[in-house]
Amino acid sequence: MGDGRKERENNGFTKRVGATTYVVNVHFSETDSATLEDRLLHLVRNDIRVNGLSVAAKK
């Protein structure tokens, strides 16, 4: 690349749903301290909040 940016690995994938193809690129901050588990829990909690899903109690 001639614009001074470092060349990065292709961290993404494509997904075809019906006649639409989605291109998803994945990137993470190198300075963030959140773990993968933290990120996944955030996504699950947000999905529950937005969609009003019920949550089963922990055993």
C-alpha atoms as a PDB file:
ATOM      1  CA  MET A   1       0.000   0.000   0.000  1.00  0.00           C
ATOM      2  CA  GLY A   2       1.331   3.386  -0.869  1.00  0.00           C
ATOM      3  CA  ASP A   3      -0.514   5.329   1.835  1.00  0.00           C
ATOM      4  CA  GLY A   4       1.710   4.413   4.795  1.00  0.00           C
ATOM      5  CA  ARG A   5      -0.652   1.896   6.402  1.00  0.00           C
ATOM      6  CA  LYS A   6       0.708  -1.482   7.427  1.00  0.00           C
ATOM      7  CA  GLU A   7      -0.522  -4.335   5.308  1.00  0.00           C
ATOM      8  CA  ARG A   8      -2.694  -6.603   7.448  1.00  0.00           C
ATOM      9  CA  GLU A   9      -3.829 -10.184   7.151  1.00  0.00           C
ATOM     10  CA  ASN A  10      -7.269 -10.763   5.717  1.00  0.00           C
ATOM     11  CA  ASN A  11      -9.286 -11.080   8.932  1.00  0.00           C
ATOM     12  CA  GLY A  12     -12.714 -11.544   7.486  1.00  0.00           C
ATOM     13  CA  PHE A  13     -15.156 -13.782   5.727  1.00  0.00           C
ATOM     14  CA  THR A  14     -18.098 -13.717   3.335  1.00  0.00           C
ATOM     15  CA  LYS A  15     -21.558 -15.124   3.979  1.00  0.00           C
ATOM     16  CA  ARG A  16     -24.257 -15.569   1.363  1.00  0.00           C
ATOM     17  CA  VAL A  17     -27.874 -15.349   2.527  1.00  0.00           C
ATOM     18  CA  GLY A  18     -30.311 -15.777  -0.324  1.00  0.00           C
ATOM     19  CA  ALA A  19     -29.271 -13.445  -3.137  1.00  0.00           C
ATOM     20  CA  THR A  20     -27.219 -11.192  -0.826  1.00  0.00           C
ATOM     21  CA  THR A  21     -23.524 -11.686  -0.083  1.00  0.00           C
ATOM     22  CA  TYR A  22     -22.201 -10.098   3.109  1.00  0.00           C
ATOM     23  CA  VAL A  23     -18.504  -9.293   3.503  1.00  0.00           C
ATOM     24  CA  VAL A  24     -17.488  -9.187   7.177  1.00  0.00           C
ATOM     25  CA  ASN A  25     -14.144  -7.787   8.293  1.00  0.00           C
ATOM     26  CA  VAL A  26     -12.934  -8.416  11.828  1.00  0.00           C
ATOM     27  CA  HIS A  27     -10.605  -6.121  13.737  1.00  0.00           C
ATOM     28  CA  PHE A  28      -9.689  -5.677  17.380  1.00  0.00           C
ATOM     29  CA  SER A  29      -7.881  -3.000  19.328  1.00  0.00           C
ATOM     30  CA  GLU A  30      -4.408  -4.087  20.360  1.00  0.00           C
ATOM     31  CA  THR A  31      -4.652  -1.966  23.531  1.00  0.00           C
ATOM     32  CA  ASP A  32      -8.084  -3.110  24.769  1.00  0.00           C
ATOM     33  CA  SER A  33      -8.070  -5.303  27.880  1.00  0.00           C
ATOM     34  CA  ALA A  34     -11.471  -6.972  27.278  1.00  0.00           C
ATOM     35  CA  THR A  35     -11.296 -10.723  26.819  1.00  0.00           C
ATOM     36  CA  LEU A  36     -13.164 -12.759  24.238  1.00  0.00           C
ATOM     37  CA  GLU A  37     -15.494 -13.921  27.020  1.00  0.00           C
ATOM     38  CA  ASP A  38     -16.202 -10.275  27.988  1.00  0.00           C
ATOM     39  CA  ARG A  39     -17.074  -9.440  24.389  1.00  0.00           C
ATOM     40  CA  LEU A  40     -19.331 -12.459  23.938  1.00  0.00           C
ATOM     41  CA  LEU A  41     -21.181 -11.778  27.192  1.00  0.00           C
ATOM     42  CA  HIS A  42     -21.724  -8.179  26.088  1.00  0.00           C
ATOM     43  CA  LEU A  43     -23.217  -9.373  22.787  1.00  0.00           C
ATOM     44  CA  VAL A  44     -25.508 -11.874  24.525  1.00  0.00           C
ATOM     45  CA  ARG A  45     -26.679  -9.348  27.127  1.00  0.00           C
ATOM     46  CA  ASN A  46     -27.324  -6.732  24.464  1.00  0.00           C
ATOM     47  CA  ASP A  47     -29.300  -9.223  22.370  1.00  0.00           C
ATOM     48  CA  ILE A  48     -31.407 -10.141  25.414  1.00  0.00           C
ATOM     49  CA  ARG A  49     -32.040  -6.481  26.204  1.00  0.00           C
ATOM     50  CA  VAL A  50     -32.944  -5.500  22.643  1.00  0.00           C
ATOM     51  CA  ASN A  51     -35.099  -8.531  21.861  1.00  0.00           C
ATOM     52  CA  GLY A  52     -36.702  -8.957  25.294  1.00  0.00           C
ATOM     53  CA  LEU A  53     -35.612 -12.567  25.630  1.00  0.00           C
ATOM     54  CA  SER A  54     -36.043 -14.336  28.917  1.00  0.00           C
ATOM     55  CA  VAL A  55     -33.000 -15.600  30.776  1.00  0.00           C
ATOM     56  CA  ALA A  56     -32.867 -18.931  32.607  1.00  0.00           C
ATOM     57  CA  ALA A  57     -31.546 -18.740  36.168  1.00  0.00           C
ATOM     58  CA  LYS A  58     -28.068 -20.139  36.861  1.00  0.00           C
ATOM     59  CA  LYS A  59     -27.984 -23.513  38.624  1.00  0.00           C
END
